[in-house]
PDB file of N, CA and C in Angstrom:
ATOM      1  N   MET A   1      78.482 139.114 149.638  1.00  0.00           N
ATOM      2  CA  MET A   1      79.495 138.158 150.084  1.00  0.00           C
ATOM      3  C   MET A   1      80.681 138.923 150.661  1.00  0.00           C
ATOM      4  N   LYS A   2      81.166 138.445 151.790  1.00  0.00           N
ATOM      5  CA  LYS A   2      82.336 139.092 152.376  1.00  0.00           C
ATOM      6  C   LYS A   2      83.589 138.676 151.607  1.00  0.00           C
ATOM      7  N   VAL A   3      84.574 139.544 151.572  1.00  0.00           N
ATOM      8  CA  VAL A   3      85.814 139.291 150.829  1.00  0.00           C
ATOM      9  C   VAL A   3      86.572 138.151 151.514  1.00  0.00           C
ATOM     10  N   PRO A   4      86.909 137.095 150.764  1.00  0.00           N
ATOM     11  CA  PRO A   4      87.635 135.972 151.370  1.00  0.00           C
ATOM     12  C   PRO A   4      89.083 136.337 151.672  1.00  0.00           C
ATOM     13  N   MET A   5      89.650 135.634 152.630  1.00  0.00           N
ATOM     14  CA  MET A   5      91.055 135.822 152.988  1.00  0.00           C
ATOM     15  C   MET A   5      91.870 134.789 152.208  1.00  0.00           C
ATOM     16  N   LEU A   6      92.494 135.227 151.142  1.00  0.00           N
ATOM     17  CA  LEU A   6      93.255 134.329 150.267  1.00  0.00           C
ATOM     18  C   LEU A   6      94.658 134.119 150.847  1.00  0.00           C
ATOM     19  N   ASN A   7      94.743 133.236 151.843  1.00  0.00           N
ATOM     20  CA  ASN A   7      95.984 133.087 152.593  1.00  0.00           C
ATOM     21  C   ASN A   7      96.658 131.717 152.426  1.00  0.00           C
ATOM     22  N   ARG A   8      96.167 130.924 151.501  1.00  0.00           N
ATOM     23  CA  ARG A   8      96.761 129.602 151.280  1.00  0.00           C
ATOM     24  C   ARG A   8      97.088 129.439 149.795  1.00  0.00           C
ATOM     25  N   LYS A   9      98.316 129.014 149.510  1.00  0.00           N
ATOM     26  CA  LYS A   9      98.727 128.826 148.122  1.00  0.00           C
ATOM     27  C   LYS A   9      98.396 127.396 147.684  1.00  0.00           C
ATOM     28  N   PHE A  10      97.730 127.284 146.549  1.00  0.00           N
ATOM     29  CA  PHE A  10      97.375 125.995 145.960  1.00  0.00           C
ATOM     30  C   PHE A  10      98.038 125.862 144.596  1.00  0.00           C
ATOM     31  N   THR A  11      98.382 124.651 144.238  1.00  0.00           N
ATOM     32  CA  THR A  11      98.812 124.334 142.893  1.00  0.00           C
ATOM     33  C   THR A  11      97.641 123.634 142.220  1.00  0.00           C
ATOM     34  N   LEU A  12      97.236 124.134 141.055  1.00  0.00           N
ATOM     35  CA  LEU A  12      96.152 123.523 140.291  1.00  0.00           C
ATOM     36  C   LEU A  12      96.753 122.491 139.345  1.00  0.00           C
ATOM     37  N   GLU A  13      96.260 121.260 139.426  1.00  0.00           N
ATOM     38  CA  GLU A  13      96.767 120.175 138.595  1.00  0.00           C
ATOM     39  C   GLU A  13      95.631 119.506 137.828  1.00  0.00           C
ATOM     40  N   ALA A  14      95.951 119.036 136.621  1.00  0.00           N
ATOM     41  CA  ALA A  14      94.991 118.325 135.774  1.00  0.00           C
ATOM     42  C   ALA A  14      95.522 116.920 135.503  1.00  0.00           C
ATOM     43  N   PRO A  15      94.618 115.949 135.352  1.00  0.00           N
ATOM     44  CA  PRO A  15      95.082 114.588 135.066  1.00  0.00           C
ATOM     45  C   PRO A  15      95.731 114.505 133.685  1.00  0.00           C
ATOM     46  N   GLU A  16      96.725 113.648 133.593  1.00  0.00           N
ATOM     47  CA  GLU A  16      97.444 113.465 132.335  1.00  0.00           C
ATOM     48  C   GLU A  16      97.870 111.999 132.243  1.00  0.00           C
ATOM     49  N   GLN A  17      97.779 111.441 131.051  1.00  0.00           N
ATOM     50  CA  GLN A  17      98.245 110.074 130.833  1.00  0.00           C
ATOM     51  C   GLN A  17      99.498 110.121 129.972  1.00  0.00           C
ATOM     52  N   THR A  18     100.531 109.413 130.416  1.00  0.00           N
ATOM     53  CA  THR A  18     101.769 109.357 129.648  1.00  0.00           C
ATOM     54  C   THR A  18     101.992 107.919 129.182  1.00  0.00           C
ATOM     55  N   PRO A  19     102.512 107.715 127.980  1.00  0.00           N
ATOM     56  CA  PRO A  19     102.758 106.363 127.484  1.00  0.00           C
ATOM     57  C   PRO A  19     103.737 105.616 128.383  1.00  0.00           C
ATOM     58  N   ASP A  20     103.450 104.331 128.617  1.00  0.00           N
ATOM     59  CA  ASP A  20     104.341 103.537 129.465  1.00  0.00           C
ATOM     60  C   ASP A  20     105.378 102.758 128.656  1.00  0.00           C
ATOM     61  N   GLY A  21     105.366 102.909 127.314  1.00  0.00           N
ATOM     62  CA  GLY A  21     106.336 102.230 126.466  1.00  0.00           C
ATOM     63  C   GLY A  21     105.927 100.822 126.076  1.00  0.00           C
ATOM     64  N   LEU A  22     104.811 100.344 126.631  1.00  0.00           N
ATOM     65  CA  LEU A  22     104.337  98.991 126.331  1.00  0.00           C
ATOM     66  C   LEU A  22     102.951  99.006 125.697  1.00  0.00           C
ATOM     67  N   GLY A  23     102.546 100.163 125.186  1.00  0.00           N
ATOM     68  CA  GLY A  23     101.233 100.278 124.561  1.00  0.00           C
ATOM     69  C   GLY A  23     100.143 100.765 125.491  1.00  0.00           C
ATOM     70  N   GLY A  24     100.486 100.956 126.725  1.00  0.00           N
ATOM     71  CA  GLY A  24      99.507 101.444 127.703  1.00  0.00           C
ATOM     72  C   GLY A  24      99.860 102.839 128.168  1.00  0.00           C
ATOM     73  N   PHE A  25      99.205 103.275 129.221  1.00  0.00           N
ATOM     74  CA  PHE A  25      99.428 104.613 129.753  1.00  0.00           C
ATOM     75  C   PHE A  25      99.547 104.569 131.265  1.00  0.00           C
ATOM     76  N   LEU A  26     100.313 105.503 131.792  1.00  0.00           N
ATOM     77  CA  LEU A  26     100.446 105.690 133.230  1.00  0.00           C
ATOM     78  C   LEU A  26      99.717 106.966 133.625  1.00  0.00           C
ATOM     79  N   PRO A  27      98.900 106.908 134.675  1.00  0.00           N
ATOM     80  CA  PRO A  27      98.220 108.131 135.106  1.00  0.00           C
ATOM     81  C   PRO A  27      99.199 109.072 135.806  1.00  0.00           C
ATOM     82  N   GLY A  28      98.989 110.350 135.636  1.00  0.00           N
ATOM     83  CA  GLY A  28      99.836 111.343 136.274  1.00  0.00           C
ATOM     84  C   GLY A  28      99.113 112.670 136.342  1.00  0.00           C
ATOM     85  N   TRP A  29      99.822 113.690 136.756  1.00  0.00           N
ATOM     86  CA  TRP A  29      99.238 115.024 136.916  1.00  0.00           C
ATOM     87  C   TRP A  29     100.164 116.056 136.303  1.00  0.00           C
ATOM     88  N   ILE A  30      99.592 117.062 135.662  1.00  0.00           N
ATOM     89  CA  ILE A  30     100.349 118.159 135.073  1.00  0.00           C
ATOM     90  C   ILE A  30      99.956 119.452 135.800  1.00  0.00           C
ATOM     91  N   VAL A  31     100.950 120.260 136.128  1.00  0.00           N
ATOM     92  CA  VAL A  31     100.705 121.520 136.839  1.00  0.00           C
ATOM     93  C   VAL A  31     100.190 122.572 135.858  1.00  0.00           C
ATOM     94  N   LEU A  32      99.059 123.190 136.202  1.00  0.00           N
ATOM     95  CA  LEU A  32      98.479 124.251 135.377  1.00  0.00           C
ATOM     96  C   LEU A  32      98.832 125.642 135.894  1.00  0.00           C
ATOM     97  N   GLY A  33      99.169 125.739 137.169  1.00  0.00           N
ATOM     98  CA  GLY A  33      99.510 127.038 137.741  1.00  0.00           C
ATOM     99  C   GLY A  33      99.252 127.080 139.232  1.00  0.00           C
ATOM    100  N   SER A  34      99.412 128.266 139.801  1.00  0.00           N
ATOM    101  CA  SER A  34      99.209 128.483 141.232  1.00  0.00           C
ATOM    102  C   SER A  34      98.030 129.413 141.461  1.00  0.00           C
ATOM    103  N   LEU A  35      97.306 129.153 142.534  1.00  0.00           N
ATOM    104  CA  LEU A  35      96.174 129.971 142.940  1.00  0.00           C
ATOM    105  C   LEU A  35      96.272 130.247 144.430  1.00  0.00           C
ATOM    106  N   TRP A  36      95.844 131.431 144.826  1.00  0.00           N
ATOM    107  CA  TRP A  36      95.717 131.727 146.248  1.00  0.00           C
ATOM    108  C   TRP A  36      94.254 131.577 146.606  1.00  0.00           C
ATOM    109  N   GLY A  37      93.974 130.928 147.739  1.00  0.00           N
ATOM    110  CA  GLY A  37      92.591 130.694 148.112  1.00  0.00           C
ATOM    111  C   GLY A  37      92.372 130.667 149.606  1.00  0.00           C
ATOM    112  N   GLU A  38      91.101 130.616 149.949  1.00  0.00           N
ATOM    113  CA  GLU A  38      90.677 130.493 151.348  1.00  0.00           C
ATOM    114  C   GLU A  38      90.081 129.108 151.526  1.00  0.00           C
ATOM    115  N   LEU A  39      90.584 128.342 152.497  1.00  0.00           N
ATOM    116  CA  LEU A  39      90.131 126.984 152.771  1.00  0.00           C
ATOM    117  C   LEU A  39      89.226 127.002 153.996  1.00  0.00           C
ATOM    118  N   ARG A  40      87.997 126.517 153.839  1.00  0.00           N
ATOM    119  CA  ARG A  40      87.046 126.448 154.955  1.00  0.00           C
ATOM    120  C   ARG A  40      86.447 125.048 155.026  1.00  0.00           C
ATOM    121  N   GLY A  41      86.453 124.468 156.215  1.00  0.00           N
ATOM    122  CA  GLY A  41      85.891 123.137 156.409  1.00  0.00           C
ATOM    123  C   GLY A  41      84.377 123.143 156.329  1.00  0.00           C
ATOM    124  N   ILE A  42      83.815 122.069 155.796  1.00  0.00           N
ATOM    125  CA  ILE A  42      82.361 121.913 155.709  1.00  0.00           C
ATOM    126  C   ILE A  42      81.901 120.748 156.586  1.00  0.00           C
ATOM    127  N   SER A  43      82.486 119.569 156.346  1.00  0.00           N
ATOM    128  CA  SER A  43      82.059 118.384 157.092  1.00  0.00           C
ATOM    129  C   SER A  43      83.170 117.348 157.099  1.00  0.00           C
ATOM    130  N   GLY A  44      82.999 116.344 157.939  1.00  0.00           N
ATOM    131  CA  GLY A  44      83.957 115.250 157.998  1.00  0.00           C
ATOM    132  C   GLY A  44      83.270 113.996 158.484  1.00  0.00           C
ATOM    133  N   ARG A  45      83.860 112.861 158.143  1.00  0.00           N
ATOM    134  CA  ARG A  45      83.300 111.589 158.601  1.00  0.00           C
ATOM    135  C   ARG A  45      84.352 110.505 158.483  1.00  0.00           C
ATOM    136  N   ASP A  46      84.131 109.436 159.235  1.00  0.00           N
ATOM    137  CA  ASP A  46      84.963 108.239 159.118  1.00  0.00           C
ATOM    138  C   ASP A  46      84.216 107.249 158.251  1.00  0.00           C
ATOM    139  N   ARG A  47      84.977 106.542 157.437  1.00  0.00           N
ATOM    140  CA  ARG A  47      84.372 105.574 156.526  1.00  0.00           C
ATOM    141  C   ARG A  47      85.230 104.318 156.531  1.00  0.00           C
ATOM    142  N   ASP A  48      84.600 103.171 156.676  1.00  0.00           N
ATOM    143  CA  ASP A  48      85.335 101.907 156.601  1.00  0.00           C
ATOM    144  C   ASP A  48      85.239 101.365 155.196  1.00  0.00           C
ATOM    145  N   ASP A  49      86.375 101.297 154.544  1.00  0.00           N
ATOM    146  CA  ASP A  49      86.485 100.762 153.191  1.00  0.00           C
ATOM    147  C   ASP A  49      86.946  99.312 153.334  1.00  0.00           C
ATOM    148  N   ARG A  50      86.822  98.540 152.302  1.00  0.00           N
ATOM    149  CA  ARG A  50      87.273  97.144 152.370  1.00  0.00           C
ATOM    150  C   ARG A  50      88.776  97.056 152.622  1.00  0.00           C
ATOM    151  N   ALA A  51      89.526  97.970 152.044  1.00  0.00           N
ATOM    152  CA  ALA A  51      90.984  97.920 152.158  1.00  0.00           C
ATOM    153  C   ALA A  51      91.501  98.611 153.413  1.00  0.00           C
ATOM    154  N   ALA A  52      90.845  99.713 153.837  1.00  0.00           N
ATOM    155  CA  ALA A  52      91.365 100.481 154.970  1.00  0.00           C
ATOM    156  C   ALA A  52      90.251 101.361 155.553  1.00  0.00           C
ATOM    157  N   ALA A  53      90.496 101.841 156.749  1.00  0.00           N
ATOM    158  CA  ALA A  53      89.585 102.798 157.364  1.00  0.00           C
ATOM    159  C   ALA A  53      90.007 104.193 156.914  1.00  0.00           C
ATOM    160  N   LEU A  54      89.057 104.965 156.388  1.00  0.00           N
ATOM    161  CA  LEU A  54      89.359 106.281 155.848  1.00  0.00           C
ATOM    162  C   LEU A  54      88.681 107.368 156.657  1.00  0.00           C
ATOM    163  N   SER A  55      89.336 108.482 156.731  1.00  0.00           N
ATOM    164  CA  SER A  55      88.764 109.698 157.274  1.00  0.00           C
ATOM    165  C   SER A  55      88.590 110.648 156.100  1.00  0.00           C
ATOM    166  N   GLU A  56      87.368 111.154 155.913  1.00  0.00           N
ATOM    167  CA  GLU A  56      87.087 112.030 154.776  1.00  0.00           C
ATOM    168  C   GLU A  56      86.592 113.376 155.283  1.00  0.00           C
ATOM    169  N   ALA A  57      87.157 114.437 154.743  1.00  0.00           N
ATOM    170  CA  ALA A  57      86.731 115.795 155.090  1.00  0.00           C
ATOM    171  C   ALA A  57      86.387 116.536 153.809  1.00  0.00           C
ATOM    172  N   ARG A  58      85.358 117.358 153.873  1.00  0.00           N
ATOM    173  CA  ARG A  58      84.958 118.180 152.726  1.00  0.00           C
ATOM    174  C   ARG A  58      85.213 119.635 153.071  1.00  0.00           C
ATOM    175  N   PHE A  59      85.672 120.367 152.054  1.00  0.00           N
ATOM    176  CA  PHE A  59      86.040 121.764 152.233  1.00  0.00           C
ATOM    177  C   PHE A  59      85.461 122.615 151.122  1.00  0.00           C
ATOM    178  N   ARG A  60      85.454 123.905 151.373  1.00  0.00           N
ATOM    179  CA  ARG A  60      85.102 124.903 150.371  1.00  0.00           C
ATOM    180  C   ARG A  60      86.347 125.772 150.199  1.00  0.00           C
ATOM    181  N   VAL A  61      86.826 125.880 148.952  1.00  0.00           N
ATOM    182  CA  VAL A  61      87.986 126.712 148.642  1.00  0.00           C
ATOM    183  C   VAL A  61      87.501 127.862 147.763  1.00  0.00           C
ATOM    184  N   THR A  62      87.719 129.090 148.210  1.00  0.00           N
ATOM    185  CA  THR A  62      87.347 130.271 147.428  1.00  0.00           C
ATOM    186  C   THR A  62      88.599 130.850 146.799  1.00  0.00           C
ATOM    187  N   VAL A  63      88.542 131.072 145.475  1.00  0.00           N
ATOM    188  CA  VAL A  63      89.663 131.633 144.715  1.00  0.00           C
ATOM    189  C   VAL A  63      89.148 132.769 143.842  1.00  0.00           C
ATOM    190  N   ARG A  64      90.073 133.554 143.282  1.00  0.00           N
ATOM    191  CA  ARG A  64      89.670 134.595 142.338  1.00  0.00           C
ATOM    192  C   ARG A  64      89.058 133.955 141.099  1.00  0.00           C
ATOM    193  N   ALA A  65      88.044 134.587 140.567  1.00  0.00           N
ATOM    194  CA  ALA A  65      87.344 134.052 139.402  1.00  0.00           C
ATOM    195  C   ALA A  65      88.211 134.154 138.151  1.00  0.00           C
ATOM    196  N   ALA A  66      87.959 133.267 137.226  1.00  0.00           N
ATOM    197  CA  ALA A  66      88.582 133.274 135.905  1.00  0.00           C
ATOM    198  C   ALA A  66      87.482 132.914 134.912  1.00  0.00           C
ATOM    199  N   PRO A  67      87.579 133.402 133.679  1.00  0.00           N
ATOM    200  CA  PRO A  67      86.535 133.103 132.694  1.00  0.00           C
ATOM    201  C   PRO A  67      86.404 131.601 132.427  1.00  0.00           C
ATOM    202  N   ALA A  68      85.212 131.166 132.078  1.00  0.00           N
ATOM    203  CA  ALA A  68      84.998 129.765 131.719  1.00  0.00           C
ATOM    204  C   ALA A  68      85.940 129.392 130.578  1.00  0.00           C
ATOM    205  N   GLY A  69      86.594 128.254 130.706  1.00  0.00           N
ATOM    206  CA  GLY A  69      87.530 127.792 129.689  1.00  0.00           C
ATOM    207  C   GLY A  69      88.965 128.220 129.923  1.00  0.00           C
ATOM    208  N   ALA A  70      89.201 129.163 130.829  1.00  0.00           N
ATOM    209  CA  ALA A  70      90.569 129.600 131.127  1.00  0.00           C
ATOM    210  C   ALA A  70      91.301 128.495 131.891  1.00  0.00           C
ATOM    211  N   SER A  71      92.600 128.346 131.632  1.00  0.00           N
ATOM    212  CA  SER A  71      93.369 127.275 132.276  1.00  0.00           C
ATOM    213  C   SER A  71      93.483 127.463 133.784  1.00  0.00           C
ATOM    214  N   GLU A  72      93.347 128.703 134.264  1.00  0.00           N
ATOM    215  CA  GLU A  72      93.453 128.937 135.713  1.00  0.00           C
ATOM    216  C   GLU A  72      92.118 128.798 136.441  1.00  0.00           C
ATOM    217  N   ARG A  73      91.056 128.411 135.720  1.00  0.00           N
ATOM    218  CA  ARG A  73      89.756 128.174 136.353  1.00  0.00           C
ATOM    219  C   ARG A  73      89.631 126.679 136.653  1.00  0.00           C
ATOM    220  N   PRO A  74      89.558 126.309 137.941  1.00  0.00           N
ATOM    221  CA  PRO A  74      89.429 124.885 138.288  1.00  0.00           C
ATOM    222  C   PRO A  74      88.130 124.300 137.732  1.00  0.00           C
ATOM    223  N   ILE A  75      88.187 123.013 137.405  1.00  0.00           N
ATOM    224  CA  ILE A  75      86.999 122.283 136.971  1.00  0.00           C
ATOM    225  C   ILE A  75      86.976 120.934 137.690  1.00  0.00           C
ATOM    226  N   PRO A  76      85.807 120.314 137.815  1.00  0.00           N
ATOM    227  CA  PRO A  76      85.756 118.988 138.433  1.00  0.00           C
ATOM    228  C   PRO A  76      86.667 118.014 137.697  1.00  0.00           C
ATOM    229  N   GLY A  77      87.323 117.152 138.458  1.00  0.00           N
ATOM    230  CA  GLY A  77      88.282 116.204 137.887  1.00  0.00           C
ATOM    231  C   GLY A  77      89.721 116.655 138.063  1.00  0.00           C
ATOM    232  N   GLN A  78      89.923 117.952 138.273  1.00  0.00           N
ATOM    233  CA  GLN A  78      91.257 118.460 138.577  1.00  0.00           C
ATOM    234  C   GLN A  78      91.457 118.373 140.086  1.00  0.00           C
ATOM    235  N   ARG A  79      92.607 118.849 140.557  1.00  0.00           N
ATOM    236  CA  ARG A  79      92.842 118.862 141.994  1.00  0.00           C
ATOM    237  C   ARG A  79      93.640 120.082 142.393  1.00  0.00           C
ATOM    238  N   LEU A  80      93.467 120.471 143.655  1.00  0.00           N
ATOM    239  CA  LEU A  80      94.239 121.550 144.269  1.00  0.00           C
ATOM    240  C   LEU A  80      95.183 120.900 145.272  1.00  0.00           C
ATOM    241  N   VAL A  81      96.444 121.296 145.233  1.00  0.00           N
ATOM    242  CA  VAL A  81      97.455 120.731 146.122  1.00  0.00           C
ATOM    243  C   VAL A  81      98.040 121.859 146.954  1.00  0.00           C
ATOM    244  N   SER A  82      98.119 121.639 148.262  1.00  0.00           N
ATOM    245  CA  SER A  82      98.731 122.607 149.174  1.00  0.00           C
ATOM    246  C   SER A  82      99.690 121.846 150.076  1.00  0.00           C
ATOM    247  N   GLY A  83     100.978 121.983 149.816  1.00  0.00           N
ATOM    248  CA  GLY A  83     101.970 121.218 150.578  1.00  0.00           C
ATOM    249  C   GLY A  83     101.794 119.740 150.284  1.00  0.00           C
ATOM    250  N   THR A  84     101.587 118.950 151.337  1.00  0.00           N
ATOM    251  CA  THR A  84     101.377 117.512 151.169  1.00  0.00           C
ATOM    252  C   THR A  84      99.896 117.154 151.076  1.00  0.00           C
ATOM    253  N   ARG A  85      99.030 118.134 151.175  1.00  0.00           N
ATOM    254  CA  ARG A  85      97.582 117.882 151.144  1.00  0.00           C
ATOM    255  C   ARG A  85      97.050 117.965 149.717  1.00  0.00           C
ATOM    256  N   ILE A  86      96.211 117.000 149.363  1.00  0.00           N
ATOM    257  CA  ILE A  86      95.636 116.919 148.011  1.00  0.00           C
ATOM    258  C   ILE A  86      94.122 117.003 148.128  1.00  0.00           C
ATOM    259  N   PHE A  87      93.532 117.912 147.332  1.00  0.00           N
ATOM    260  CA  PHE A  87      92.101 118.158 147.365  1.00  0.00           C
ATOM    261  C   PHE A  87      91.495 117.971 145.966  1.00  0.00           C
ATOM    262  N   PRO A  88      90.921 116.801 145.657  1.00  0.00           N
ATOM    263  CA  PRO A  88      90.234 116.646 144.379  1.00  0.00           C
ATOM    264  C   PRO A  88      89.047 117.610 144.290  1.00  0.00           C
ATOM    265  N   VAL A  89      88.878 118.249 143.129  1.00  0.00           N
ATOM    266  CA  VAL A  89      87.789 119.210 142.927  1.00  0.00           C
ATOM    267  C   VAL A  89      86.532 118.441 142.539  1.00  0.00           C
ATOM    268  N   LEU A  90      85.456 118.625 143.321  1.00  0.00           N
ATOM    269  CA  LEU A  90      84.187 117.949 143.078  1.00  0.00           C
ATOM    270  C   LEU A  90      83.223 118.814 142.278  1.00  0.00           C
ATOM    271  N   ALA A  91      83.198 120.108 142.566  1.00  0.00           N
ATOM    272  CA  ALA A  91      82.282 121.035 141.896  1.00  0.00           C
ATOM    273  C   ALA A  91      82.836 122.450 142.007  1.00  0.00           C
ATOM    274  N   VAL A  92      82.453 123.311 141.039  1.00  0.00           N
ATOM    275  CA  VAL A  92      82.892 124.710 141.017  1.00  0.00           C
ATOM    276  C   VAL A  92      81.696 125.566 140.630  1.00  0.00           C
ATOM    277  N   TYR A  93      81.519 126.689 141.330  1.00  0.00           N
ATOM    278  CA  TYR A  93      80.465 127.618 140.920  1.00  0.00           C
ATOM    279  C   TYR A  93      80.884 129.043 141.227  1.00  0.00           C
ATOM    280  N   ASP A  94      80.239 130.005 140.527  1.00  0.00           N
ATOM    281  CA  ASP A  94      80.508 131.422 140.762  1.00  0.00           C
ATOM    282  C   ASP A  94      79.955 131.785 142.128  1.00  0.00           C
ATOM    283  N   ALA A  95      80.813 132.298 142.990  1.00  0.00           N
ATOM    284  CA  ALA A  95      80.446 132.512 144.382  1.00  0.00           C
ATOM    285  C   ALA A  95      79.628 133.773 144.629  1.00  0.00           C
ATOM    286  N   ASP A  96      79.732 134.765 143.765  1.00  0.00           N
ATOM    287  CA  ASP A  96      78.991 136.003 144.004  1.00  0.00           C
ATOM    288  C   ASP A  96      78.510 136.589 142.682  1.00  0.00           C
ATOM    289  N   PRO A  97      77.483 137.419 142.722  1.00  0.00           N
ATOM    290  CA  PRO A  97      76.916 137.981 141.489  1.00  0.00           C
ATOM    291  C   PRO A  97      77.884 138.868 140.710  1.00  0.00           C
ATOM    292  N   SER A  98      78.858 139.453 141.386  1.00  0.00           N
ATOM    293  CA  SER A  98      79.797 140.339 140.697  1.00  0.00           C
ATOM    294  C   SER A  98      80.813 139.564 139.858  1.00  0.00           C
ATOM    295  N   GLY A  99      80.907 138.253 140.070  1.00  0.00           N
ATOM    296  CA  GLY A  99      81.825 137.434 139.287  1.00  0.00           C
ATOM    297  C   GLY A  99      83.274 137.534 139.706  1.00  0.00           C
ATOM    298  N   ARG A 100      83.541 137.973 140.939  1.00  0.00           N
ATOM    299  CA  ARG A 100      84.924 138.112 141.399  1.00  0.00           C
ATOM    300  C   ARG A 100      85.497 136.834 142.010  1.00  0.00           C
ATOM    301  N   TRP A 101      84.645 135.925 142.475  1.00  0.00           N
ATOM    302  CA  TRP A 101      85.111 134.760 143.219  1.00  0.00           C
ATOM    303  C   TRP A 101      84.503 133.473 142.691  1.00  0.00           C
ATOM    304  N   LEU A 102      85.265 132.402 142.789  1.00  0.00           N
ATOM    305  CA  LEU A 102      84.786 131.060 142.492  1.00  0.00           C
ATOM    306  C   LEU A 102      84.844 130.248 143.780  1.00  0.00           C
ATOM    307  N   THR A 103      83.869 129.394 143.976  1.00  0.00           N
ATOM    308  CA  THR A 103      83.901 128.469 145.096  1.00  0.00           C
ATOM    309  C   THR A 103      84.096 127.068 144.549  1.00  0.00           C
ATOM    310  N   CYS A 104      85.097 126.386 145.074  1.00  0.00           N
ATOM    311  CA  CYS A 104      85.392 125.004 144.684  1.00  0.00           C
ATOM    312  C   CYS A 104      85.061 124.110 145.871  1.00  0.00           C
ATOM    313  N   TYR A 105      84.233 123.111 145.637  1.00  0.00           N
ATOM    314  CA  TYR A 105      83.974 122.114 146.661  1.00  0.00           C
ATOM    315  C   TYR A 105      84.970 120.978 146.447  1.00  0.00           C
ATOM    316  N   VAL A 106      85.726 120.657 147.499  1.00  0.00           N
ATOM    317  CA  VAL A 106      86.793 119.669 147.413  1.00  0.00           C
ATOM    318  C   VAL A 106      86.673 118.690 148.578  1.00  0.00           C
ATOM    319  N   ARG A 107      87.428 117.614 148.498  1.00  0.00           N
ATOM    320  CA  ARG A 107      87.473 116.668 149.620  1.00  0.00           C
ATOM    321  C   ARG A 107      88.927 116.275 149.856  1.00  0.00           C
ATOM    322  N   GLU A 108      89.142 115.747 151.035  1.00  0.00           N
ATOM    323  CA  GLU A 108      90.469 115.233 151.392  1.00  0.00           C
ATOM    324  C   GLU A 108      90.251 113.921 152.118  1.00  0.00           C
ATOM    325  N   GLU A 109      90.980 112.884 151.705  1.00  0.00           N
ATOM    326  CA  GLU A 109      90.872 111.588 152.356  1.00  0.00           C
ATOM    327  C   GLU A 109      92.213 111.230 152.977  1.00  0.00           C
ATOM    328  N   ALA A 110      92.136 110.568 154.118  1.00  0.00           N
ATOM    329  CA  ALA A 110      93.356 110.118 154.787  1.00  0.00           C
ATOM    330  C   ALA A 110      93.090 108.741 155.383  1.00  0.00           C
ATOM    331  N   VAL A 111      94.054 107.837 155.287  1.00  0.00           N
ATOM    332  CA  VAL A 111      93.949 106.529 155.907  1.00  0.00           C
ATOM    333  C   VAL A 111      94.195 106.709 157.404  1.00  0.00           C
ATOM    334  N   ARG A 112      93.353 106.115 158.206  1.00  0.00           N
ATOM    335  CA  ARG A 112      93.547 106.234 159.656  1.00  0.00           C
ATOM    336  C   ARG A 112      93.871 104.902 160.266  1.00  0.00           C
TER     337      ARG A 112
END
């Protein structure tokens, strides 16, 4: 595997529920840390939803590896944020046999 160009800063966030004071919870996100990664496009498509027309793009984000269970290792259900762009993490796998890199498959949706 060629060495990725880690030129984009991402914030790793995990879902969190906070009490709303009425016995329920409000969904939110908690920051776990920052990661540098390489963002590469995979595919894109337009999708008509009942509420709005969406544009969906899928990407591959390569980051430095972290041991399983470490807070800086992305897992599905978390998200990577870069500026105003939000990338929910769909899947994560070890990108190379040496264990130096992780590949995160993510998506980005935008209303068009």
